[in-house]
Amino acid sequence: MGGYMTKSERTGGDVWSCKNCTWIHEPKAAKRILEELEKIIDKATMRDLQILRFKIWMEIASQSQ
């Protein structure tokens, strides 16, 4: 999704870097994420948010093909 694996400066372990990721800042993506967040924000876990981000990325990626 525009990122890559890199080494953590803090722990030295592998972490996901979103440094070159820009899709989430596109108005279409940001609007969808905010709409979905409003539905789950009170009970959402970090995993829920990761799944939401991936789901919306897949949706937007499939529309641009």
Protein backbone atom coordinates (compact mmCIF):
# COMPACT_ATOMS: atom_id res chain seq x y z
CA MET A 1 0.00 0.00 0.00
CA GLY A 2 2.87 2.35 -0.72
CA GLY A 3 5.04 1.42 2.23
CA TYR A 4 7.86 -1.02 2.90
CA MET A 5 9.59 -2.92 5.69
CA THR A 6 12.41 -1.15 7.50
CA LYS A 7 14.32 -1.45 10.78
CA SER A 8 12.99 0.33 13.85
CA GLU A 9 15.41 2.93 15.16
CA ARG A 10 14.11 2.24 18.67
CA THR A 11 14.05 -1.57 18.79
CA GLY A 12 16.05 -2.69 15.75
CA GLY A 13 13.16 -4.97 14.75
CA ASP A 14 11.28 -4.99 11.47
CA VAL A 15 8.46 -2.44 11.20
CA TRP A 16 6.21 -1.24 8.41
CA SER A 17 7.07 2.22 7.06
CA CYS A 18 4.39 4.33 5.44
CA LYS A 19 6.91 6.97 4.39
CA ASN A 20 6.02 6.92 0.67
CA CYS A 21 2.33 6.20 1.15
CA THR A 22 0.02 8.97 -0.05
CA TRP A 23 -3.26 7.25 -1.00
CA ILE A 24 -4.79 7.71 2.45
CA HIS A 25 -4.54 11.50 2.08
CA GLU A 26 -6.53 11.61 -1.15
CA PRO A 27 -9.95 13.22 -0.53
CA LYS A 28 -11.87 10.13 -1.68
CA ALA A 29 -9.96 7.85 0.72
CA ALA A 30 -10.06 10.28 3.65
CA LYS A 31 -13.81 10.74 3.27
CA ARG A 32 -14.48 6.97 3.26
CA ILE A 33 -12.26 6.40 6.29
CA LEU A 34 -13.99 9.14 8.27
CA GLU A 35 -17.41 7.74 7.35
CA GLU A 36 -16.45 4.28 8.56
CA LEU A 37 -14.68 5.55 11.68
CA GLU A 38 -17.83 7.32 12.80
CA LYS A 39 -19.59 3.93 12.83
CA ILE A 40 -17.00 2.09 14.95
CA ILE A 41 -15.01 4.70 16.87
CA ASP A 42 -16.45 3.90 20.32
CA LYS A 43 -15.51 0.23 20.20
CA ALA A 44 -12.72 0.02 17.61
CA THR A 45 -9.47 -1.79 18.38
CA MET A 46 -6.17 -1.09 16.63
CA ARG A 47 -6.74 -4.27 14.59
CA ASP A 48 -10.18 -2.97 13.53
CA LEU A 49 -8.55 0.24 12.30
CA GLN A 50 -5.90 -1.68 10.35
CA ILE A 51 -8.57 -3.82 8.70
CA LEU A 52 -10.59 -0.72 7.86
CA ARG A 53 -7.58 0.95 6.25
CA PHE A 54 -6.84 -2.15 4.15
CA LYS A 55 -10.50 -2.58 3.15
CA ILE A 56 -10.75 1.01 1.92
CA TRP A 57 -7.40 0.78 0.13
CA MET A 58 -8.63 -2.33 -1.73
CA GLU A 59 -11.89 -0.56 -2.60
CA ILE A 60 -10.10 2.50 -3.99
CA ALA A 61 -7.45 0.46 -5.79
CA SER A 62 -10.09 -1.66 -7.55
CA GLN A 63 -12.01 1.46 -8.67
CA SER A 64 -8.91 2.99 -10.27
CA GLN A 65 -8.26 -0.02 -12.52
